[in-house]
Amino acid sequence: MGYTKNIGSRHRIVTLPDGTANLDLIDTLYPSAAQTQHVFKFQPRIKFYLDPIMFGIEYEYCRAAYGQVNDHGRVFNAHPQEDARILFAIFYNF
């Protein structure tokens, strides 16, 4: 399980020689990471062993909010997106 949040900066983000912020450059360097306000992820996994076979099942839930970046690197007008998946695996060990 994990959580991360973009808290921005106290200072303006300086990316050009004249001291102005170029948010297009930030979007080029970090395509979706700069626009991410927060991410929450939950991913439990269970394994069963029946020699020589191992069965595994994993559930993943992820919720992230994306928005617009201001000149301090903070994200506003964020809209959450959710994703869930289930993975089932069989391993044969010899």
PDB file of N, CA and C in Angstrom:
ATOM      1  N   MET A   1       0.851  -1.154   0.000  1.00  0.00           N
ATOM      2  CA  MET A   1       0.000   0.000   0.000  1.00  0.00           C
ATOM      3  C   MET A   1       0.906   1.229   0.000  1.00  0.00           C
ATOM      4  N   GLY A   2       0.486   2.269  -0.708  1.00  0.00           N
ATOM      5  CA  GLY A   2       1.290   3.471  -0.735  1.00  0.00           C
ATOM      6  C   GLY A   2       0.474   4.705  -1.086  1.00  0.00           C
ATOM      7  N   TYR A   3       1.013   5.857  -0.726  1.00  0.00           N
ATOM      8  CA  TYR A   3       0.382   7.147  -1.009  1.00  0.00           C
ATOM      9  C   TYR A   3       1.483   8.169  -1.274  1.00  0.00           C
ATOM     10  N   THR A   4       1.286   8.991  -2.267  1.00  0.00           N
ATOM     11  CA  THR A   4       2.220  10.078  -2.540  1.00  0.00           C
ATOM     12  C   THR A   4       1.427  11.299  -2.957  1.00  0.00           C
ATOM     13  N   LYS A   5       1.960  12.495  -2.637  1.00  0.00           N
ATOM     14  CA  LYS A   5       1.264  13.744  -2.939  1.00  0.00           C
ATOM     15  C   LYS A   5       2.273  14.777  -3.438  1.00  0.00           C
ATOM     16  N   ASN A   6       1.875  15.516  -4.468  1.00  0.00           N
ATOM     17  CA  ASN A   6       2.676  16.613  -4.993  1.00  0.00           C
ATOM     18  C   ASN A   6       2.358  17.858  -4.169  1.00  0.00           C
ATOM     19  N   ILE A   7       3.329  18.353  -3.392  1.00  0.00           N
ATOM     20  CA  ILE A   7       3.088  19.531  -2.559  1.00  0.00           C
ATOM     21  C   ILE A   7       3.644  20.805  -3.185  1.00  0.00           C
ATOM     22  N   GLY A   8       4.257  20.694  -4.354  1.00  0.00           N
ATOM     23  CA  GLY A   8       4.750  21.883  -5.042  1.00  0.00           C
ATOM     24  C   GLY A   8       5.996  22.461  -4.390  1.00  0.00           C
ATOM     25  N   SER A   9       6.183  23.759  -4.597  1.00  0.00           N
ATOM     26  CA  SER A   9       7.375  24.441  -4.100  1.00  0.00           C
ATOM     27  C   SER A   9       6.989  25.795  -3.505  1.00  0.00           C
ATOM     28  N   ARG A  10       7.788  26.267  -2.555  1.00  0.00           N
ATOM     29  CA  ARG A  10       7.561  27.610  -2.011  1.00  0.00           C
ATOM     30  C   ARG A  10       7.967  28.680  -3.026  1.00  0.00           C
ATOM     31  N   HIS A  11       8.876  28.330  -3.911  1.00  0.00           N
ATOM     32  CA  HIS A  11       9.408  29.285  -4.883  1.00  0.00           C
ATOM     33  C   HIS A  11       8.861  28.972  -6.275  1.00  0.00           C
ATOM     34  N   ARG A  12       8.897  29.986  -7.126  1.00  0.00           N
ATOM     35  CA  ARG A  12       8.489  29.755  -8.510  1.00  0.00           C
ATOM     36  C   ARG A  12       9.465  28.788  -9.167  1.00  0.00           C
ATOM     37  N   ILE A  13       8.943  27.994 -10.080  1.00  0.00           N
ATOM     38  CA  ILE A  13       9.785  27.062 -10.817  1.00  0.00           C
ATOM     39  C   ILE A  13      10.456  27.847 -11.940  1.00  0.00           C
ATOM     40  N   VAL A  14      11.774  27.920 -11.889  1.00  0.00           N
ATOM     41  CA  VAL A  14      12.526  28.678 -12.886  1.00  0.00           C
ATOM     42  C   VAL A  14      13.094  27.696 -13.904  1.00  0.00           C
ATOM     43  N   THR A  15      12.715  27.862 -15.152  1.00  0.00           N
ATOM     44  CA  THR A  15      13.194  26.952 -16.179  1.00  0.00           C
ATOM     45  C   THR A  15      13.836  27.682 -17.356  1.00  0.00           C
ATOM     46  N   LEU A  16      13.684  29.001 -17.424  1.00  0.00           N
ATOM     47  CA  LEU A  16      14.250  29.772 -18.530  1.00  0.00           C
ATOM     48  C   LEU A  16      15.318  30.726 -18.003  1.00  0.00           C
ATOM     49  N   PRO A  17      16.273  31.107 -18.848  1.00  0.00           N
ATOM     50  CA  PRO A  17      17.350  31.999 -18.399  1.00  0.00           C
ATOM     51  C   PRO A  17      16.865  33.349 -17.878  1.00  0.00           C
ATOM     52  N   ASP A  18      15.731  33.842 -18.344  1.00  0.00           N
ATOM     53  CA  ASP A  18      15.244  35.143 -17.878  1.00  0.00           C
ATOM     54  C   ASP A  18      14.484  35.051 -16.553  1.00  0.00           C
ATOM     55  N   GLY A  19      14.392  33.835 -15.948  1.00  0.00           N
ATOM     56  CA  GLY A  19      13.765  33.681 -14.647  1.00  0.00           C
ATOM     57  C   GLY A  19      12.279  33.399 -14.685  1.00  0.00           C
ATOM     58  N   THR A  20      11.712  33.208 -15.853  1.00  0.00           N
ATOM     59  CA  THR A  20      10.282  32.912 -15.948  1.00  0.00           C
ATOM     60  C   THR A  20      10.057  31.406 -15.989  1.00  0.00           C
ATOM     61  N   ALA A  21       8.871  31.011 -15.592  1.00  0.00           N
ATOM     62  CA  ALA A  21       8.529  29.588 -15.592  1.00  0.00           C
ATOM     63  C   ALA A  21       7.928  29.207 -16.935  1.00  0.00           C
ATOM     64  N   ASN A  22       8.414  28.104 -17.494  1.00  0.00           N
ATOM     65  CA  ASN A  22       7.887  27.580 -18.754  1.00  0.00           C
ATOM     66  C   ASN A  22       7.241  26.242 -18.446  1.00  0.00           C
ATOM     67  N   LEU A  23       5.927  26.254 -18.263  1.00  0.00           N
ATOM     68  CA  LEU A  23       5.223  25.027 -17.884  1.00  0.00           C
ATOM     69  C   LEU A  23       5.182  24.022 -19.023  1.00  0.00           C
ATOM     70  N   ASP A  24       5.316  24.472 -20.279  1.00  0.00           N
ATOM     71  CA  ASP A  24       5.383  23.539 -21.399  1.00  0.00           C
ATOM     72  C   ASP A  24       6.623  22.664 -21.294  1.00  0.00           C
ATOM     73  N   LEU A  25       7.733  23.239 -20.840  1.00  0.00           N
ATOM     74  CA  LEU A  25       8.965  22.470 -20.655  1.00  0.00           C
ATOM     75  C   LEU A  25       8.784  21.432 -19.548  1.00  0.00           C
ATOM     76  N   ILE A  26       8.110  21.800 -18.466  1.00  0.00           N
ATOM     77  CA  ILE A  26       7.862  20.852 -17.378  1.00  0.00           C
ATOM     78  C   ILE A  26       7.032  19.677 -17.889  1.00  0.00           C
ATOM     79  N   ASP A  27       5.995  19.966 -18.681  1.00  0.00           N
ATOM     80  CA  ASP A  27       5.160  18.890 -19.235  1.00  0.00           C
ATOM     81  C   ASP A  27       5.946  18.006 -20.193  1.00  0.00           C
ATOM     82  N   THR A  28       6.948  18.564 -20.871  1.00  0.00           N
ATOM     83  CA  THR A  28       7.779  17.778 -21.776  1.00  0.00           C
ATOM     84  C   THR A  28       8.705  16.851 -20.985  1.00  0.00           C
ATOM     85  N   LEU A  29       9.296  17.368 -19.898  1.00  0.00           N
ATOM     86  CA  LEU A  29      10.223  16.566 -19.099  1.00  0.00           C
ATOM     87  C   LEU A  29       9.502  15.505 -18.278  1.00  0.00           C
ATOM     88  N   TYR A  30       8.355  15.848 -17.719  1.00  0.00           N
ATOM     89  CA  TYR A  30       7.585  14.934 -16.863  1.00  0.00           C
ATOM     90  C   TYR A  30       6.144  14.897 -17.377  1.00  0.00           C
ATOM     91  N   PRO A  31       5.863  14.120 -18.434  1.00  0.00           N
ATOM     92  CA  PRO A  31       4.561  14.186 -19.117  1.00  0.00           C
ATOM     93  C   PRO A  31       3.338  14.093 -18.212  1.00  0.00           C
ATOM     94  N   SER A  32       3.258  13.111 -17.336  1.00  0.00           N
ATOM     95  CA  SER A  32       2.072  13.024 -16.483  1.00  0.00           C
ATOM     96  C   SER A  32       2.415  13.216 -15.007  1.00  0.00           C
ATOM     97  N   ALA A  33       3.661  13.041 -14.633  1.00  0.00           N
ATOM     98  CA  ALA A  33       4.041  13.151 -13.224  1.00  0.00           C
ATOM     99  C   ALA A  33       3.854  14.566 -12.699  1.00  0.00           C
ATOM    100  N   ALA A  34       4.154  15.574 -13.502  1.00  0.00           N
ATOM    101  CA  ALA A  34       4.010  16.956 -13.048  1.00  0.00           C
ATOM    102  C   ALA A  34       2.551  17.330 -12.862  1.00  0.00           C
ATOM    103  N   GLN A  35       1.649  16.667 -13.539  1.00  0.00           N
ATOM    104  CA  GLN A  35       0.223  16.984 -13.449  1.00  0.00           C
ATOM    105  C   GLN A  35      -0.498  16.132 -12.412  1.00  0.00           C
ATOM    106  N   THR A  36       0.225  15.284 -11.700  1.00  0.00           N
ATOM    107  CA  THR A  36      -0.371  14.389 -10.716  1.00  0.00           C
ATOM    108  C   THR A  36      -0.421  15.069  -9.355  1.00  0.00           C
ATOM    109  N   GLN A  37      -1.626  15.186  -8.792  1.00  0.00           N
ATOM    110  CA  GLN A  37      -1.781  15.789  -7.469  1.00  0.00           C
ATOM    111  C   GLN A  37      -1.489  14.772  -6.368  1.00  0.00           C
ATOM    112  N   HIS A  38      -2.074  13.583  -6.470  1.00  0.00           N
ATOM    113  CA  HIS A  38      -1.805  12.531  -5.494  1.00  0.00           C
ATOM    114  C   HIS A  38      -2.098  11.167  -6.113  1.00  0.00           C
ATOM    115  N   VAL A  39      -1.481  10.137  -5.516  1.00  0.00           N
ATOM    116  CA  VAL A  39      -1.681   8.755  -5.961  1.00  0.00           C
ATOM    117  C   VAL A  39      -1.827   7.873  -4.722  1.00  0.00           C
ATOM    118  N   PHE A  40      -2.831   7.010  -4.735  1.00  0.00           N
ATOM    119  CA  PHE A  40      -3.029   6.003  -3.692  1.00  0.00           C
ATOM    120  C   PHE A  40      -3.048   4.640  -4.376  1.00  0.00           C
ATOM    121  N   LYS A  41      -2.299   3.683  -3.830  1.00  0.00           N
ATOM    122  CA  LYS A  41      -2.228   2.355  -4.431  1.00  0.00           C
ATOM    123  C   LYS A  41      -2.315   1.291  -3.340  1.00  0.00           C
ATOM    124  N   PHE A  42      -3.142   0.275  -3.602  1.00  0.00           N
ATOM    125  CA  PHE A  42      -3.330  -0.847  -2.694  1.00  0.00           C
ATOM    126  C   PHE A  42      -3.185  -2.119  -3.525  1.00  0.00           C
ATOM    127  N   GLN A  43      -2.263  -3.023  -3.109  1.00  0.00           N
ATOM    128  CA  GLN A  43      -1.944  -4.171  -3.959  1.00  0.00           C
ATOM    129  C   GLN A  43      -1.599  -5.400  -3.120  1.00  0.00           C
ATOM    130  N   PRO A  44      -2.616  -6.079  -2.565  1.00  0.00           N
ATOM    131  CA  PRO A  44      -2.324  -7.302  -1.808  1.00  0.00           C
ATOM    132  C   PRO A  44      -2.064  -8.493  -2.734  1.00  0.00           C
ATOM    133  N   ARG A  45      -1.276  -9.446  -2.246  1.00  0.00           N
ATOM    134  CA  ARG A  45      -0.920 -10.636  -3.027  1.00  0.00           C
ATOM    135  C   ARG A  45      -0.998 -11.864  -2.110  1.00  0.00           C
ATOM    136  N   ILE A  46      -1.544 -12.947  -2.644  1.00  0.00           N
ATOM    137  CA  ILE A  46      -1.635 -14.208  -1.908  1.00  0.00           C
ATOM    138  C   ILE A  46      -1.003 -15.300  -2.763  1.00  0.00           C
ATOM    139  N   LYS A  47      -0.193 -16.171  -2.119  1.00  0.00           N
ATOM    140  CA  LYS A  47       0.451 -17.288  -2.813  1.00  0.00           C
ATOM    141  C   LYS A  47       0.095 -18.593  -2.107  1.00  0.00           C
ATOM    142  N   PHE A  48      -0.152 -19.628  -2.903  1.00  0.00           N
ATOM    143  CA  PHE A  48      -0.406 -20.970  -2.394  1.00  0.00           C
ATOM    144  C   PHE A  48       0.639 -21.898  -3.004  1.00  0.00           C
ATOM    145  N   TYR A  49       1.239 -22.737  -2.171  1.00  0.00           N
ATOM    146  CA  TYR A  49       2.248 -23.682  -2.644  1.00  0.00           C
ATOM    147  C   TYR A  49       1.727 -25.109  -2.542  1.00  0.00           C
ATOM    148  N   LEU A  50       1.703 -25.792  -3.668  1.00  0.00           N
ATOM    149  CA  LEU A  50       1.421 -27.221  -3.737  1.00  0.00           C
ATOM    150  C   LEU A  50       2.541 -27.818  -4.588  1.00  0.00           C
ATOM    151  N   ASP A  51       3.630 -28.218  -3.926  1.00  0.00           N
ATOM    152  CA  ASP A  51       4.838 -28.633  -4.650  1.00  0.00           C
ATOM    153  C   ASP A  51       4.513 -29.583  -5.789  1.00  0.00           C
ATOM    154  N   PRO A  52       5.032 -29.347  -6.942  1.00  0.00           N
ATOM    155  CA  PRO A  52       5.981 -28.327  -7.380  1.00  0.00           C
ATOM    156  C   PRO A  52       5.309 -27.091  -8.005  1.00  0.00           C
ATOM    157  N   ILE A  53       4.034 -26.882  -7.721  1.00  0.00           N
ATOM    158  CA  ILE A  53       3.301 -25.784  -8.344  1.00  0.00           C
ATOM    159  C   ILE A  53       3.001 -24.695  -7.320  1.00  0.00           C
ATOM    160  N   MET A  54       3.095 -23.441  -7.779  1.00  0.00           N
ATOM    161  CA  MET A  54       2.725 -22.305  -6.948  1.00  0.00           C
ATOM    162  C   MET A  54       1.605 -21.543  -7.654  1.00  0.00           C
ATOM    163  N   PHE A  55       0.555 -21.230  -6.917  1.00  0.00           N
ATOM    164  CA  PHE A  55      -0.546 -20.424  -7.428  1.00  0.00           C
ATOM    165  C   PHE A  55      -0.482 -19.056  -6.760  1.00  0.00           C
ATOM    166  N   GLY A  56      -0.727 -18.037  -7.524  1.00  0.00           N
ATOM    167  CA  GLY A  56      -0.724 -16.696  -6.968  1.00  0.00           C
ATOM    168  C   GLY A  56      -1.879 -15.872  -7.508  1.00  0.00           C
ATOM    169  N   ILE A  57      -2.421 -15.018  -6.654  1.00  0.00           N
ATOM    170  CA  ILE A  57      -3.465 -14.087  -7.080  1.00  0.00           C
ATOM    171  C   ILE A  57      -3.150 -12.725  -6.467  1.00  0.00           C
ATOM    172  N   GLU A  58      -3.378 -11.692  -7.241  1.00  0.00           N
ATOM    173  CA  GLU A  58      -3.038 -10.336  -6.812  1.00  0.00           C
ATOM    174  C   GLU A  58      -4.142  -9.392  -7.274  1.00  0.00           C
ATOM    175  N   TYR A  59      -4.530  -8.489  -6.402  1.00  0.00           N
ATOM    176  CA  TYR A  59      -5.516  -7.457  -6.726  1.00  0.00           C
ATOM    177  C   TYR A  59      -4.825  -6.107  -6.615  1.00  0.00           C
ATOM    178  N   GLU A  60      -5.011  -5.252  -7.597  1.00  0.00           N
ATOM    179  CA  GLU A  60      -4.403  -3.919  -7.566  1.00  0.00           C
ATOM    180  C   GLU A  60      -5.481  -2.862  -7.748  1.00  0.00           C
ATOM    181  N   TYR A  61      -5.494  -1.892  -6.835  1.00  0.00           N
ATOM    182  CA  TYR A  61      -6.393  -0.744  -6.932  1.00  0.00           C
ATOM    183  C   TYR A  61      -5.531   0.510  -6.881  1.00  0.00           C
ATOM    184  N   CYS A  62      -5.727   1.387  -7.841  1.00  0.00           N
ATOM    185  CA  CYS A  62      -4.952   2.626  -7.906  1.00  0.00           C
ATOM    186  C   CYS A  62      -5.898   3.791  -8.173  1.00  0.00           C
ATOM    187  N   ARG A  63      -5.734   4.866  -7.421  1.00  0.00           N
ATOM    188  CA  ARG A  63      -6.524   6.082  -7.612  1.00  0.00           C
ATOM    189  C   ARG A  63      -5.550   7.251  -7.672  1.00  0.00           C
ATOM    190  N   ALA A  64      -5.620   8.008  -8.770  1.00  0.00           N
ATOM    191  CA  ALA A  64      -4.736   9.155  -8.966  1.00  0.00           C
ATOM    192  C   ALA A  64      -5.572  10.351  -9.415  1.00  0.00           C
ATOM    193  N   ALA A  65      -5.158  11.544  -8.998  1.00  0.00           N
ATOM    194  CA  ALA A  65      -5.842  12.774  -9.395  1.00  0.00           C
ATOM    195  C   ALA A  65      -4.885  13.594 -10.264  1.00  0.00           C
ATOM    196  N   TYR A  66      -5.353  13.966 -11.446  1.00  0.00           N
ATOM    197  CA  TYR A  66      -4.560  14.751 -12.394  1.00  0.00           C
ATOM    198  C   TYR A  66      -5.222  16.100 -12.614  1.00  0.00           C
ATOM    199  N   GLY A  67      -4.405  17.131 -12.788  1.00  0.00           N
ATOM    200  CA  GLY A  67      -4.950  18.472 -13.007  1.00  0.00           C
ATOM    201  C   GLY A  67      -3.962  19.363 -13.726  1.00  0.00           C
ATOM    202  N   GLN A  68      -4.122  20.660 -13.514  1.00  0.00           N
ATOM    203  CA  GLN A  68      -3.256  21.653 -14.152  1.00  0.00           C
ATOM    204  C   GLN A  68      -2.194  22.104 -13.161  1.00  0.00           C
ATOM    205  N   VAL A  69      -1.006  22.419 -13.688  1.00  0.00           N
ATOM    206  CA  VAL A  69       0.128  22.814 -12.854  1.00  0.00           C
ATOM    207  C   VAL A  69       0.283  24.330 -12.900  1.00  0.00           C
ATOM    208  N   ASN A  70       0.472  24.944 -11.710  1.00  0.00           N
ATOM    209  CA  ASN A  70       0.743  26.387 -11.702  1.00  0.00           C
ATOM    210  C   ASN A  70       2.246  26.630 -11.673  1.00  0.00           C
ATOM    211  N   ASP A  71       2.666  27.885 -11.587  1.00  0.00           N
ATOM    212  CA  ASP A  71       4.099  28.210 -11.665  1.00  0.00           C
ATOM    213  C   ASP A  71       4.884  27.855 -10.403  1.00  0.00           C
ATOM    214  N   HIS A  72       4.213  27.341  -9.366  1.00  0.00           N
ATOM    215  CA  HIS A  72       4.895  26.842  -8.169  1.00  0.00           C
ATOM    216  C   HIS A  72       4.925  25.316  -8.120  1.00  0.00           C
ATOM    217  N   GLY A  73       4.480  24.685  -9.199  1.00  0.00           N
ATOM    218  CA  GLY A  73       4.487  23.236  -9.274  1.00  0.00           C
ATOM    219  C   GLY A  73       3.327  22.567  -8.573  1.00  0.00           C
ATOM    220  N   ARG A  74       2.381  23.352  -8.051  1.00  0.00           N
ATOM    221  CA  ARG A  74       1.200  22.779  -7.384  1.00  0.00           C
ATOM    222  C   ARG A  74       0.129  22.470  -8.418  1.00  0.00           C
ATOM    223  N   VAL A  75      -0.634  21.435  -8.145  1.00  0.00           N
ATOM    224  CA  VAL A  75      -1.681  20.989  -9.064  1.00  0.00           C
ATOM    225  C   VAL A  75      -3.033  21.476  -8.550  1.00  0.00           C
ATOM    226  N   PHE A  76      -3.846  22.030  -9.440  1.00  0.00           N
ATOM    227  CA  PHE A  76      -5.191  22.476  -9.083  1.00  0.00           C
ATOM    228  C   PHE A  76      -6.187  21.957 -10.123  1.00  0.00           C
ATOM    229  N   ASN A  77      -7.472  22.052  -9.810  1.00  0.00           N
ATOM    230  CA  ASN A  77      -8.542  21.507 -10.662  1.00  0.00           C
ATOM    231  C   ASN A  77      -8.301  20.022 -10.968  1.00  0.00           C
ATOM    232  N   ALA A  78      -7.896  19.271  -9.954  1.00  0.00           N
ATOM    233  CA  ALA A  78      -7.577  17.847 -10.155  1.00  0.00           C
ATOM    234  C   ALA A  78      -8.847  17.010 -10.248  1.00  0.00           C
ATOM    235  N   HIS A  79      -8.818  16.037 -11.141  1.00  0.00           N
ATOM    236  CA  HIS A  79      -9.912  15.099 -11.333  1.00  0.00           C
ATOM    237  C   HIS A  79      -9.380  13.690 -11.092  1.00  0.00           C
ATOM    238  N   PRO A  80     -10.019  12.929 -10.188  1.00  0.00           N
ATOM    239  CA  PRO A  80      -9.518  11.585  -9.887  1.00  0.00           C
ATOM    240  C   PRO A  80      -9.837  10.573 -10.981  1.00  0.00           C
ATOM    241  N   GLN A  81      -8.929   9.637 -11.148  1.00  0.00           N
ATOM    242  CA  GLN A  81      -9.088   8.501 -12.056  1.00  0.00           C
ATOM    243  C   GLN A  81      -8.804   7.244 -11.248  1.00  0.00           C
ATOM    244  N   GLU A  82      -9.554   6.186 -11.510  1.00  0.00           N
ATOM    245  CA  GLU A  82      -9.374   4.932 -10.781  1.00  0.00           C
ATOM    246  C   GLU A  82      -9.088   3.788 -11.738  1.00  0.00           C
ATOM    247  N   ASP A  83      -8.352   2.806 -11.235  1.00  0.00           N
ATOM    248  CA  ASP A  83      -8.021   1.632 -12.022  1.00  0.00           C
ATOM    249  C   ASP A  83      -7.953   0.434 -11.079  1.00  0.00           C
ATOM    250  N   ALA A  84      -8.442  -0.699 -11.526  1.00  0.00           N
ATOM    251  CA  ALA A  84      -8.370  -1.927 -10.739  1.00  0.00           C
ATOM    252  C   ALA A  84      -8.066  -3.087 -11.686  1.00  0.00           C
ATOM    253  N   ARG A  85      -7.317  -4.064 -11.173  1.00  0.00           N
ATOM    254  CA  ARG A  85      -7.017  -5.243 -11.982  1.00  0.00           C
ATOM    255  C   ARG A  85      -6.804  -6.436 -11.061  1.00  0.00           C
ATOM    256  N   ILE A  86      -6.993  -7.612 -11.625  1.00  0.00           N
ATOM    257  CA  ILE A  86      -6.747  -8.869 -10.916  1.00  0.00           C
ATOM    258  C   ILE A  86      -5.780  -9.696 -11.754  1.00  0.00           C
ATOM    259  N   LEU A  87      -4.769 -10.233 -11.106  1.00  0.00           N
ATOM    260  CA  LEU A  87      -3.762 -11.049 -11.777  1.00  0.00           C
ATOM    261  C   LEU A  87      -3.766 -12.431 -11.137  1.00  0.00           C
ATOM    262  N   PHE A  88      -3.808 -13.449 -11.970  1.00  0.00           N
ATOM    263  CA  PHE A  88      -3.730 -14.819 -11.502  1.00  0.00           C
ATOM    264  C   PHE A  88      -2.548 -15.482 -12.198  1.00  0.00           C
ATOM    265  N   ALA A  89      -1.707 -16.184 -11.443  1.00  0.00           N
ATOM    266  CA  ALA A  89      -0.514 -16.805 -12.019  1.00  0.00           C
ATOM    267  C   ALA A  89      -0.324 -18.216 -11.496  1.00  0.00           C
ATOM    268  N   ILE A  90       0.238 -19.067 -12.356  1.00  0.00           N
ATOM    269  CA  ILE A  90       0.616 -20.429 -11.988  1.00  0.00           C
ATOM    270  C   ILE A  90       2.088 -20.615 -12.360  1.00  0.00           C
ATOM    271  N   PHE A  91       2.874 -21.085 -11.396  1.00  0.00           N
ATOM    272  CA  PHE A  91       4.299 -21.340 -11.636  1.00  0.00           C
ATOM    273  C   PHE A  91       4.587 -22.819 -11.392  1.00  0.00           C
ATOM    274  N   TYR A  92       5.307 -23.409 -12.322  1.00  0.00           N
ATOM    275  CA  TYR A  92       5.742 -24.792 -12.172  1.00  0.00           C
ATOM    276  C   TYR A  92       7.247 -24.791 -11.940  1.00  0.00           C
ATOM    277  N   ASN A  93       7.686 -25.272 -10.817  1.00  0.00           N
ATOM    278  CA  ASN A  93       9.110 -25.298 -10.458  1.00  0.00           C
ATOM    279  C   ASN A  93       9.636 -26.735 -10.608  1.00  0.00           C
ATOM    280  N   PHE A  94      10.732 -26.865 -11.330  1.00  0.00           N
ATOM    281  CA  PHE A  94      11.314 -28.198 -11.504  1.00  0.00           C
ATOM    282  C   PHE A  94      12.788 -28.162 -11.216  1.00  0.00           C
TER     283      PHE A  94
END
